[in-house]
Every structure is written in C-alpha cells, then in structure tokens.
Amino acid sequence: MTRASRWFAEHWVTGVALLVLGYLFLPIAVVAALSFNRPSSRLSYDFNEFTLDNWRNPCATSDMCDAVLRSVQIGFLATVAATALGTLMAFALARHRFRGRSGLNVLIFLPMATPELVMGTSLLALFVSGGVPLGFWTIVIAHVMFCVSFVVVTVKARLTGMDGRLEEAAMDLYANEWQTFRRITLPLVLPGIVAAALLAFSLSFDDFIVTNFNSGTTVTFPMYVWGAAQRGIPPQVNVIGTAMFGIALLLVLATSLHGRRARRAAIVPVPVKGNGRP
C-alpha cells in the first residue's frame, strides 16, 4: 500500500465529515456574508457592495426589531415553562415506576412526530372553540406544548446515562436527599437541562407554521420575514440571523468549556507519601 493510499484510508472519514459540515454551514456563511452587503435594489440578493451600515443600524426597520423582541419574549417564556415541566416529567419517567408509564413514554413522542400543520390547526380549533382570543399568550401556550417533548427527551437521555452509584455513595456519606440532589444530581444533569433549554428556545424563536395559525394580529420575527419576502427582505434580517447564530455558538462553547473545567476539577490528585503508597 502506498503512502497516499494509506493516508486516504486513515483520513477519509474526517474528510467526509468536513464536507458534510461545510454543506450544513454553507447557508449560514451566505447569510453572514449578505449581512455586510448593500444590495442594488430591495428585491436583489446579489452581493453588490461591502458595507457596515447594516450592523451599525440593525433597527433601521422598526417593525422588524419589534418582531425580534416579541420573538425573544415568547421564546424566553416558552423555554422557562417547557424546561421546568419537561425536566420534572423526565425525572418522573426516568426515576419512578407507575401505572401508565409506558403509554406516557409513547405520548411524549407524539408532538415531535405530528406535523406542525396538524398541530397548528388543532390548537387553533381548541382556542376558537374555547373562546380564547388569539395573540401573544396563545403563541406562548402553543410553543410550550411542542417544546416540552424535546425537553423531556433531552433531559431523560442525560438521566439515563448517569451513574446511580454516585448518588448512593453520597447517601452512604450521610447526605440527605436535598444535599444529594443539589451537590450530585443537579450538577450532573445540568448540561442536559441547559441543552434542552437552548433547543426549546431555538425551536420557539424559529417556529412559523404553528405561530401563524395561533398568532392573531401578533407578528413574530419569522412571520415578519415571510411577509417582507413579498416586497423585499431588508438586509438587516441577515444581521439578526447572523447575530442569533453567533450568540447560540458562544453559549454552546461556554457550556462545553464549563463542563470540561468541571470534569478536570473533579479529578483530584491523590497525595503520595514518601514510601510511594497513598
């Protein structure tokens, strides 16, 4: 086997992975590039001229910034509610046995498997039949409903992968239930909770179909982009998209670095005496 063929055999998987990542990040790179573009016309998407005006004045269109703020508010409320409910459900499903547990596990996946069109129309029929006025809070309720399932699956996977002997060891060392939860269980499951919260916020901020059915006169950022596409999307939309991706990337990196430091801090060197025995 030649050196080139040996190198290819050892690195072809890495090459394929890089190609797939490039394919996934290519649209994001295009959006980031267009955020520095001054288009020749409102209906043109070609790269015409480099400019920083879009970043200096991201709220040139006041309606867009209002829609972004509204989406952030809805995403925050939906994330808090869905993370709290989903985490409690994940603990119940992973740590306790009760009648109907298997059926509940199946029901958890239904909102994830149901098409958003069906969920949106079903929620609309529910709100209309109940006389609930469509608006900000109906969007929040709808987002909580489909975000809970993703939180449950994410946190439950983290709980399933935990070593239960760590909690048993803490109890053997005379820690009560609250101390064990606060010092052992919560730090171990916290990365899963943070990941579930980030996922829930992304799903809520990005949702269009369910929101469109249950929004009434409330306009979120995805709905603004959809409406603006008919008359020309302002370049500041690319600025918002690039900024949201950058913030999400920084949060993921910060969480990863925090977890790595926590794992390193958990490795405490054992002192060795002069005779070579601990």
C-alpha atoms as a PDB file:
ATOM      1  CA  MET A   1       0.000   0.000   0.000  1.00  0.00           C
ATOM      2  CA  THR A   2       1.412   3.386  -0.995  1.00  0.00           C
ATOM      3  CA  ARG A   3       1.745   6.309   1.349  1.00  0.00           C
ATOM      4  CA  ALA A   4      -1.055   8.245  -0.388  1.00  0.00           C
ATOM      5  CA  SER A   5      -3.495   5.345  -0.214  1.00  0.00           C
ATOM      6  CA  ARG A   6      -2.589   4.743   3.431  1.00  0.00           C
ATOM      7  CA  TRP A   7      -3.204   8.404   4.248  1.00  0.00           C
ATOM      8  CA  PHE A   8      -6.541   8.311   2.429  1.00  0.00           C
ATOM      9  CA  ALA A   9      -7.598   5.166   4.289  1.00  0.00           C
ATOM     10  CA  GLU A  10      -6.832   6.831   7.612  1.00  0.00           C
ATOM     11  CA  HIS A  11      -8.440  10.209   6.910  1.00  0.00           C
ATOM     12  CA  TRP A  12     -11.362   9.616   4.538  1.00  0.00           C
ATOM     13  CA  VAL A  13     -13.891   9.624   7.370  1.00  0.00           C
ATOM     14  CA  THR A  14     -12.603  13.002   8.552  1.00  0.00           C
ATOM     15  CA  GLY A  15     -12.804  14.318   5.001  1.00  0.00           C
ATOM     16  CA  VAL A  16     -16.409  13.206   4.618  1.00  0.00           C
ATOM     17  CA  ALA A  17     -17.276  14.768   7.983  1.00  0.00           C
ATOM     18  CA  LEU A  18     -15.724  18.088   6.902  1.00  0.00           C
ATOM     19  CA  LEU A  19     -17.665  18.015   3.629  1.00  0.00           C
ATOM     20  CA  VAL A  20     -20.931  17.397   5.494  1.00  0.00           C
ATOM     21  CA  LEU A  21     -20.181  20.224   7.943  1.00  0.00           C
ATOM     22  CA  GLY A  22     -19.344  22.521   5.049  1.00  0.00           C
ATOM     23  CA  TYR A  23     -22.650  21.629   3.404  1.00  0.00           C
ATOM     24  CA  LEU A  24     -24.527  22.372   6.634  1.00  0.00           C
ATOM     25  CA  PHE A  25     -22.785  25.682   7.325  1.00  0.00           C
ATOM     26  CA  LEU A  26     -22.800  26.998   3.751  1.00  0.00           C
ATOM     27  CA  PRO A  27     -26.220  28.710   4.057  1.00  0.00           C
ATOM     28  CA  ILE A  28     -25.115  30.304   7.344  1.00  0.00           C
ATOM     29  CA  ALA A  29     -21.971  31.605   5.665  1.00  0.00           C
ATOM     30  CA  VAL A  30     -24.080  33.103   2.858  1.00  0.00           C
ATOM     31  CA  VAL A  31     -26.350  34.841   5.391  1.00  0.00           C
ATOM     32  CA  ALA A  32     -23.314  36.187   7.261  1.00  0.00           C
ATOM     33  CA  ALA A  33     -21.822  37.497   4.009  1.00  0.00           C
ATOM     34  CA  LEU A  34     -25.091  39.156   2.965  1.00  0.00           C
ATOM     35  CA  SER A  35     -25.266  40.937   6.321  1.00  0.00           C
ATOM     36  CA  PHE A  36     -22.347  43.073   5.078  1.00  0.00           C
ATOM     37  CA  ASN A  37     -23.966  43.703   1.695  1.00  0.00           C
ATOM     38  CA  ARG A  38     -25.610  46.817   0.289  1.00  0.00           C
ATOM     39  CA  PRO A  39     -27.992  45.365  -2.309  1.00  0.00           C
ATOM     40  CA  SER A  40     -28.516  47.155  -5.599  1.00  0.00           C
ATOM     41  CA  SER A  41     -32.281  47.016  -5.075  1.00  0.00           C
ATOM     42  CA  ARG A  42     -34.733  45.860  -2.440  1.00  0.00           C
ATOM     43  CA  LEU A  43     -35.626  42.776  -4.459  1.00  0.00           C
ATOM     44  CA  SER A  44     -32.000  41.863  -5.245  1.00  0.00           C
ATOM     45  CA  TYR A  45     -29.968  39.325  -3.276  1.00  0.00           C
ATOM     46  CA  ASP A  46     -26.685  39.601  -5.178  1.00  0.00           C
ATOM     47  CA  PHE A  47     -23.568  40.827  -3.398  1.00  0.00           C
ATOM     48  CA  ASN A  48     -23.279  44.395  -4.653  1.00  0.00           C
ATOM     49  CA  GLU A  49     -21.134  46.400  -2.221  1.00  0.00           C
ATOM     50  CA  PHE A  50     -19.473  45.790   1.139  1.00  0.00           C
ATOM     51  CA  THR A  51     -20.846  47.915   3.961  1.00  0.00           C
ATOM     52  CA  LEU A  52     -21.056  48.024   7.748  1.00  0.00           C
ATOM     53  CA  ASP A  53     -24.207  50.148   7.796  1.00  0.00           C
ATOM     54  CA  ASN A  54     -26.415  47.116   8.357  1.00  0.00           C
ATOM     55  CA  TRP A  55     -24.575  46.283  11.579  1.00  0.00           C
ATOM     56  CA  ARG A  56     -24.370  49.937  12.686  1.00  0.00           C
ATOM     57  CA  ASN A  57     -28.121  50.331  12.374  1.00  0.00           C
ATOM     58  CA  PRO A  58     -29.783  46.903  12.723  1.00  0.00           C
ATOM     59  CA  CYS A  59     -33.106  48.538  13.653  1.00  0.00           C
ATOM     60  CA  ALA A  60     -33.434  50.620  10.512  1.00  0.00           C
ATOM     61  CA  THR A  61     -36.809  48.933  10.123  1.00  0.00           C
ATOM     62  CA  SER A  62     -38.572  49.456  13.435  1.00  0.00           C
ATOM     63  CA  ASP A  63     -41.223  46.818  12.724  1.00  0.00           C
ATOM     64  CA  MET A  64     -38.509  44.172  12.368  1.00  0.00           C
ATOM     65  CA  CYS A  65     -36.915  44.962  15.729  1.00  0.00           C
ATOM     66  CA  ASP A  66     -40.322  44.889  17.399  1.00  0.00           C
ATOM     67  CA  ALA A  67     -40.912  41.452  15.885  1.00  0.00           C
ATOM     68  CA  VAL A  68     -37.481  40.256  17.053  1.00  0.00           C
ATOM     69  CA  LEU A  69     -38.126  41.484  20.596  1.00  0.00           C
ATOM     70  CA  ARG A  70     -41.516  39.785  20.588  1.00  0.00           C
ATOM     71  CA  SER A  71     -39.982  36.508  19.418  1.00  0.00           C
ATOM     72  CA  VAL A  72     -37.339  36.712  22.150  1.00  0.00           C
ATOM     73  CA  GLN A  73     -40.011  37.328  24.797  1.00  0.00           C
ATOM     74  CA  ILE A  74     -42.129  34.426  23.563  1.00  0.00           C
ATOM     75  CA  GLY A  75     -39.087  32.180  23.311  1.00  0.00           C
ATOM     76  CA  PHE A  76     -37.959  33.041  26.835  1.00  0.00           C
ATOM     77  CA  LEU A  77     -41.356  32.386  28.415  1.00  0.00           C
ATOM     78  CA  ALA A  78     -41.886  29.192  26.428  1.00  0.00           C
ATOM     79  CA  THR A  79     -38.378  27.988  27.293  1.00  0.00           C
ATOM     80  CA  VAL A  80     -38.785  28.572  31.030  1.00  0.00           C
ATOM     81  CA  ALA A  81     -42.162  26.843  31.160  1.00  0.00           C
ATOM     82  CA  ALA A  82     -41.206  23.952  28.874  1.00  0.00           C
ATOM     83  CA  THR A  83     -37.869  23.368  30.633  1.00  0.00           C
ATOM     84  CA  ALA A  84     -39.496  23.292  34.074  1.00  0.00           C
ATOM     85  CA  LEU A  85     -42.309  20.959  33.033  1.00  0.00           C
ATOM     86  CA  GLY A  86     -40.113  18.777  30.827  1.00  0.00           C
ATOM     87  CA  THR A  87     -37.419  18.350  33.483  1.00  0.00           C
ATOM     88  CA  LEU A  88     -39.960  17.247  36.081  1.00  0.00           C
ATOM     89  CA  MET A  89     -41.510  14.823  33.601  1.00  0.00           C
ATOM     90  CA  ALA A  90     -38.085  13.447  32.682  1.00  0.00           C
ATOM     91  CA  PHE A  91     -37.253  12.791  36.344  1.00  0.00           C
ATOM     92  CA  ALA A  92     -40.607  11.070  36.832  1.00  0.00           C
ATOM     93  CA  LEU A  93     -40.165   8.847  33.762  1.00  0.00           C
ATOM     94  CA  ALA A  94     -36.513   8.009  34.449  1.00  0.00           C
ATOM     95  CA  ARG A  95     -36.616   7.524  38.223  1.00  0.00           C
ATOM     96  CA  HIS A  96     -40.090   6.220  39.100  1.00  0.00           C
ATOM     97  CA  ARG A  97     -42.310   3.359  38.057  1.00  0.00           C
ATOM     98  CA  PHE A  98     -46.052   3.968  37.911  1.00  0.00           C
ATOM     99  CA  ARG A  99     -49.100   2.737  36.065  1.00  0.00           C
ATOM    100  CA  GLY A 100     -49.244   4.065  32.505  1.00  0.00           C
ATOM    101  CA  ARG A 101     -45.521   4.861  32.346  1.00  0.00           C
ATOM    102  CA  SER A 102     -45.002   3.031  29.052  1.00  0.00           C
ATOM    103  CA  GLY A 103     -48.007   4.720  27.460  1.00  0.00           C
ATOM    104  CA  LEU A 104     -46.800   8.118  28.635  1.00  0.00           C
ATOM    105  CA  ASN A 105     -43.422   7.463  27.014  1.00  0.00           C
ATOM    106  CA  VAL A 106     -45.215   6.910  23.717  1.00  0.00           C
ATOM    107  CA  LEU A 107     -47.367  10.021  24.128  1.00  0.00           C
ATOM    108  CA  ILE A 108     -44.261  12.139  24.722  1.00  0.00           C
ATOM    109  CA  PHE A 109     -43.098  11.461  21.157  1.00  0.00           C
ATOM    110  CA  LEU A 110     -46.437  12.345  19.536  1.00  0.00           C
ATOM    111  CA  PRO A 111     -45.894  16.153  19.443  1.00  0.00           C
ATOM    112  CA  MET A 112     -42.471  15.529  17.897  1.00  0.00           C
ATOM    113  CA  ALA A 113     -43.866  13.195  15.248  1.00  0.00           C
ATOM    114  CA  THR A 114     -47.034  15.174  14.499  1.00  0.00           C
ATOM    115  CA  PRO A 115     -46.723  17.529  11.501  1.00  0.00           C
ATOM    116  CA  GLU A 116     -46.749  21.167  12.534  1.00  0.00           C
ATOM    117  CA  LEU A 117     -49.646  21.832  10.192  1.00  0.00           C
ATOM    118  CA  VAL A 118     -51.819  19.359  12.118  1.00  0.00           C
ATOM    119  CA  MET A 119     -50.702  20.725  15.485  1.00  0.00           C
ATOM    120  CA  GLY A 120     -51.286  24.321  14.418  1.00  0.00           C
ATOM    121  CA  THR A 121     -54.798  23.704  13.126  1.00  0.00           C
ATOM    122  CA  SER A 122     -55.681  21.588  16.178  1.00  0.00           C
ATOM    123  CA  LEU A 123     -54.570  24.304  18.581  1.00  0.00           C
ATOM    124  CA  LEU A 124     -56.433  26.899  16.547  1.00  0.00           C
ATOM    125  CA  ALA A 125     -59.634  24.858  16.771  1.00  0.00           C
ATOM    126  CA  LEU A 126     -59.083  24.440  20.530  1.00  0.00           C
ATOM    127  CA  PHE A 127     -58.586  28.158  21.154  1.00  0.00           C
ATOM    128  CA  VAL A 128     -61.504  29.199  18.941  1.00  0.00           C
ATOM    129  CA  SER A 129     -63.897  26.671  20.487  1.00  0.00           C
ATOM    130  CA  GLY A 130     -62.833  27.787  23.958  1.00  0.00           C
ATOM    131  CA  GLY A 131     -63.316  31.461  23.145  1.00  0.00           C
ATOM    132  CA  VAL A 132     -59.647  32.283  23.793  1.00  0.00           C
ATOM    133  CA  PRO A 133     -58.529  35.411  21.889  1.00  0.00           C
ATOM    134  CA  LEU A 134     -55.564  34.735  19.629  1.00  0.00           C
ATOM    135  CA  GLY A 135     -52.403  36.683  20.338  1.00  0.00           C
ATOM    136  CA  PHE A 136     -49.225  36.724  22.394  1.00  0.00           C
ATOM    137  CA  TRP A 137     -50.276  34.228  25.060  1.00  0.00           C
ATOM    138  CA  THR A 138     -51.789  31.698  22.658  1.00  0.00           C
ATOM    139  CA  ILE A 139     -48.423  31.620  20.879  1.00  0.00           C
ATOM    140  CA  VAL A 140     -46.658  31.006  24.199  1.00  0.00           C
ATOM    141  CA  ILE A 141     -49.049  28.170  25.080  1.00  0.00           C
ATOM    142  CA  ALA A 142     -48.611  26.596  21.637  1.00  0.00           C
ATOM    143  CA  HIS A 143     -44.811  26.796  21.830  1.00  0.00           C
ATOM    144  CA  VAL A 144     -44.746  25.267  25.309  1.00  0.00           C
ATOM    145  CA  MET A 145     -46.810  22.336  24.053  1.00  0.00           C
ATOM    146  CA  PHE A 146     -44.387  21.275  21.313  1.00  0.00           C
ATOM    147  CA  CYS A 147     -41.197  22.229  23.201  1.00  0.00           C
ATOM    148  CA  VAL A 148     -41.975  20.069  26.253  1.00  0.00           C
ATOM    149  CA  SER A 149     -41.426  16.830  24.320  1.00  0.00           C
ATOM    150  CA  PHE A 150     -37.937  17.871  23.200  1.00  0.00           C
ATOM    151  CA  VAL A 151     -37.015  18.861  26.747  1.00  0.00           C
ATOM    152  CA  VAL A 152     -38.242  15.541  28.151  1.00  0.00           C
ATOM    153  CA  VAL A 153     -36.287  13.502  25.605  1.00  0.00           C
ATOM    154  CA  THR A 154     -33.080  15.505  26.113  1.00  0.00           C
ATOM    155  CA  VAL A 155     -33.116  15.525  29.926  1.00  0.00           C
ATOM    156  CA  LYS A 156     -34.241  11.902  30.122  1.00  0.00           C
ATOM    157  CA  ALA A 157     -31.307  10.838  27.964  1.00  0.00           C
ATOM    158  CA  ARG A 158     -28.981  12.612  30.376  1.00  0.00           C
ATOM    159  CA  LEU A 159     -30.600  10.963  33.389  1.00  0.00           C
ATOM    160  CA  THR A 160     -30.431   7.526  31.783  1.00  0.00           C
ATOM    161  CA  GLY A 161     -26.691   7.921  31.215  1.00  0.00           C
ATOM    162  CA  MET A 162     -25.968   8.917  34.813  1.00  0.00           C
ATOM    163  CA  ASP A 163     -24.287   6.503  37.187  1.00  0.00           C
ATOM    164  CA  GLY A 164     -26.693   5.944  40.069  1.00  0.00           C
ATOM    165  CA  ARG A 165     -23.849   4.747  42.292  1.00  0.00           C
ATOM    166  CA  LEU A 166     -22.702   8.363  42.707  1.00  0.00           C
ATOM    167  CA  GLU A 167     -25.949   9.274  44.431  1.00  0.00           C
ATOM    168  CA  GLU A 168     -25.818   6.104  46.504  1.00  0.00           C
ATOM    169  CA  ALA A 169     -22.287   6.970  47.608  1.00  0.00           C
ATOM    170  CA  ALA A 170     -23.428  10.442  48.671  1.00  0.00           C
ATOM    171  CA  MET A 171     -26.249   8.933  50.709  1.00  0.00           C
ATOM    172  CA  ASP A 172     -23.779   6.490  52.305  1.00  0.00           C
ATOM    173  CA  LEU A 173     -21.721   9.517  53.358  1.00  0.00           C
ATOM    174  CA  TYR A 174     -24.735  10.810  55.343  1.00  0.00           C
ATOM    175  CA  ALA A 175     -26.014  13.318  52.775  1.00  0.00           C
ATOM    176  CA  ASN A 176     -29.767  13.772  52.867  1.00  0.00           C
ATOM    177  CA  GLU A 177     -31.993  13.818  49.780  1.00  0.00           C
ATOM    178  CA  TRP A 178     -31.739  17.573  49.217  1.00  0.00           C
ATOM    179  CA  GLN A 179     -27.949  17.641  49.625  1.00  0.00           C
ATOM    180  CA  THR A 180     -27.571  14.710  47.249  1.00  0.00           C
ATOM    181  CA  PHE A 181     -29.754  16.400  44.663  1.00  0.00           C
ATOM    182  CA  ARG A 182     -28.032  19.774  44.987  1.00  0.00           C
ATOM    183  CA  ARG A 183     -24.427  18.552  45.057  1.00  0.00           C
ATOM    184  CA  ILE A 184     -24.554  15.413  42.901  1.00  0.00           C
ATOM    185  CA  THR A 185     -27.682  15.026  40.793  1.00  0.00           C
ATOM    186  CA  LEU A 186     -28.217  18.625  39.665  1.00  0.00           C
ATOM    187  CA  PRO A 187     -24.603  19.306  38.561  1.00  0.00           C
ATOM    188  CA  LEU A 188     -24.574  16.056  36.592  1.00  0.00           C
ATOM    189  CA  VAL A 189     -27.911  16.641  34.868  1.00  0.00           C
ATOM    190  CA  LEU A 190     -27.436  20.406  34.396  1.00  0.00           C
ATOM    191  CA  PRO A 191     -25.729  20.116  30.968  1.00  0.00           C
ATOM    192  CA  GLY A 192     -28.749  18.187  29.708  1.00  0.00           C
ATOM    193  CA  ILE A 193     -31.124  20.811  31.111  1.00  0.00           C
ATOM    194  CA  VAL A 194     -29.126  23.634  29.502  1.00  0.00           C
ATOM    195  CA  ALA A 195     -29.048  21.799  26.183  1.00  0.00           C
ATOM    196  CA  ALA A 196     -32.801  21.213  26.383  1.00  0.00           C
ATOM    197  CA  ALA A 197     -33.409  24.903  27.162  1.00  0.00           C
ATOM    198  CA  LEU A 198     -31.282  26.029  24.211  1.00  0.00           C
ATOM    199  CA  LEU A 199     -33.111  23.618  21.944  1.00  0.00           C
ATOM    200  CA  ALA A 200     -36.504  24.804  23.182  1.00  0.00           C
ATOM    201  CA  PHE A 201     -35.597  28.460  22.658  1.00  0.00           C
ATOM    202  CA  SER A 202     -34.328  27.758  19.143  1.00  0.00           C
ATOM    203  CA  LEU A 203     -37.494  25.887  18.231  1.00  0.00           C
ATOM    204  CA  SER A 204     -39.701  28.633  19.655  1.00  0.00           C
ATOM    205  CA  PHE A 205     -37.804  31.511  18.051  1.00  0.00           C
ATOM    206  CA  ASP A 206     -37.731  29.758  14.673  1.00  0.00           C
ATOM    207  CA  ASP A 207     -41.300  28.465  14.530  1.00  0.00           C
ATOM    208  CA  PHE A 208     -43.579  29.782  11.800  1.00  0.00           C
ATOM    209  CA  ILE A 209     -46.328  27.258  10.984  1.00  0.00           C
ATOM    210  CA  VAL A 210     -47.825  26.798  14.471  1.00  0.00           C
ATOM    211  CA  THR A 211     -47.339  30.502  15.200  1.00  0.00           C
ATOM    212  CA  ASN A 212     -49.063  31.555  12.002  1.00  0.00           C
ATOM    213  CA  PHE A 213     -52.226  29.650  12.951  1.00  0.00           C
ATOM    214  CA  ASN A 214     -52.413  30.945  16.527  1.00  0.00           C
ATOM    215  CA  SER A 215     -50.940  34.450  16.393  1.00  0.00           C
ATOM    216  CA  GLY A 216     -53.955  36.584  15.598  1.00  0.00           C
ATOM    217  CA  THR A 217     -52.543  40.044  14.919  1.00  0.00           C
ATOM    218  CA  THR A 218     -49.258  39.371  16.741  1.00  0.00           C
ATOM    219  CA  VAL A 219     -46.235  39.377  14.428  1.00  0.00           C
ATOM    220  CA  THR A 220     -43.089  37.410  15.325  1.00  0.00           C
ATOM    221  CA  PHE A 221     -39.742  37.539  13.536  1.00  0.00           C
ATOM    222  CA  PRO A 222     -40.348  34.508  11.242  1.00  0.00           C
ATOM    223  CA  MET A 223     -43.746  35.936  10.299  1.00  0.00           C
ATOM    224  CA  TYR A 224     -42.167  39.317   9.566  1.00  0.00           C
ATOM    225  CA  VAL A 225     -39.595  37.695   7.276  1.00  0.00           C
ATOM    226  CA  TRP A 226     -42.335  35.787   5.479  1.00  0.00           C
ATOM    227  CA  GLY A 227     -44.352  38.952   4.949  1.00  0.00           C
ATOM    228  CA  ALA A 228     -41.310  41.006   3.925  1.00  0.00           C
ATOM    229  CA  ALA A 229     -40.308  38.410   1.302  1.00  0.00           C
ATOM    230  CA  GLN A 230     -43.206  39.574  -0.850  1.00  0.00           C
ATOM    231  CA  ARG A 231     -41.913  43.154  -1.057  1.00  0.00           C
ATOM    232  CA  GLY A 232     -38.190  42.666  -0.463  1.00  0.00           C
ATOM    233  CA  ILE A 233     -36.352  41.451   2.631  1.00  0.00           C
ATOM    234  CA  PRO A 234     -34.235  44.197   4.252  1.00  0.00           C
ATOM    235  CA  PRO A 235     -30.541  43.336   4.701  1.00  0.00           C
ATOM    236  CA  GLN A 236     -30.890  43.815   8.471  1.00  0.00           C
ATOM    237  CA  VAL A 237     -32.654  40.448   8.571  1.00  0.00           C
ATOM    238  CA  ASN A 238     -29.306  38.845   7.746  1.00  0.00           C
ATOM    239  CA  VAL A 239     -27.749  40.782  10.615  1.00  0.00           C
ATOM    240  CA  ILE A 240     -30.308  39.388  13.072  1.00  0.00           C
ATOM    241  CA  GLY A 241     -29.801  35.855  11.731  1.00  0.00           C
ATOM    242  CA  THR A 242     -26.014  36.102  11.983  1.00  0.00           C
ATOM    243  CA  ALA A 243     -26.186  37.587  15.480  1.00  0.00           C
ATOM    244  CA  MET A 244     -28.528  34.849  16.715  1.00  0.00           C
ATOM    245  CA  PHE A 245     -26.231  32.167  15.307  1.00  0.00           C
ATOM    246  CA  GLY A 246     -23.205  33.804  16.928  1.00  0.00           C
ATOM    247  CA  ILE A 247     -24.936  34.023  20.313  1.00  0.00           C
ATOM    248  CA  ALA A 248     -26.024  30.376  20.120  1.00  0.00           C
ATOM    249  CA  LEU A 249     -22.483  29.339  19.164  1.00  0.00           C
ATOM    250  CA  LEU A 250     -20.985  31.272  22.083  1.00  0.00           C
ATOM    251  CA  LEU A 251     -23.462  29.693  24.518  1.00  0.00           C
ATOM    252  CA  VAL A 252     -22.628  26.199  23.272  1.00  0.00           C
ATOM    253  CA  LEU A 253     -18.893  26.866  23.523  1.00  0.00           C
ATOM    254  CA  ALA A 254     -19.255  28.352  27.006  1.00  0.00           C
ATOM    255  CA  THR A 255     -21.264  25.343  28.171  1.00  0.00           C
ATOM    256  CA  SER A 256     -18.706  22.963  26.686  1.00  0.00           C
ATOM    257  CA  LEU A 257     -15.778  24.768  28.317  1.00  0.00           C
ATOM    258  CA  HIS A 258     -17.580  24.872  31.663  1.00  0.00           C
ATOM    259  CA  GLY A 259     -18.244  21.142  31.502  1.00  0.00           C
ATOM    260  CA  ARG A 260     -14.616  20.443  30.606  1.00  0.00           C
ATOM    261  CA  ARG A 261     -13.341  22.538  33.510  1.00  0.00           C
ATOM    262  CA  ALA A 262     -15.769  20.843  35.879  1.00  0.00           C
ATOM    263  CA  ARG A 263     -14.540  17.421  34.792  1.00  0.00           C
ATOM    264  CA  ARG A 264     -10.925  18.476  35.280  1.00  0.00           C
ATOM    265  CA  ALA A 265     -11.682  19.916  38.704  1.00  0.00           C
ATOM    266  CA  ALA A 266     -13.371  16.662  39.679  1.00  0.00           C
ATOM    267  CA  ILE A 267     -10.107  14.782  39.141  1.00  0.00           C
ATOM    268  CA  VAL A 268      -8.348  15.364  42.444  1.00  0.00           C
ATOM    269  CA  PRO A 269      -4.790  14.008  42.631  1.00  0.00           C
ATOM    270  CA  VAL A 270      -4.228  11.568  45.467  1.00  0.00           C
ATOM    271  CA  PRO A 271      -1.300  12.626  47.707  1.00  0.00           C
ATOM    272  CA  VAL A 272       1.529  10.157  47.768  1.00  0.00           C
ATOM    273  CA  LYS A 273       3.706   9.608  50.836  1.00  0.00           C
ATOM    274  CA  GLY A 274       7.412   9.157  50.790  1.00  0.00           C
ATOM    275  CA  ASN A 275       7.239   5.357  50.637  1.00  0.00           C
ATOM    276  CA  GLY A 276       5.274   5.523  47.391  1.00  0.00           C
ATOM    277  CA  ARG A 277       1.968   4.493  48.989  1.00  0.00           C
ATOM    278  CA  PRO A 278      -1.084   6.794  49.191  1.00  0.00           C
END
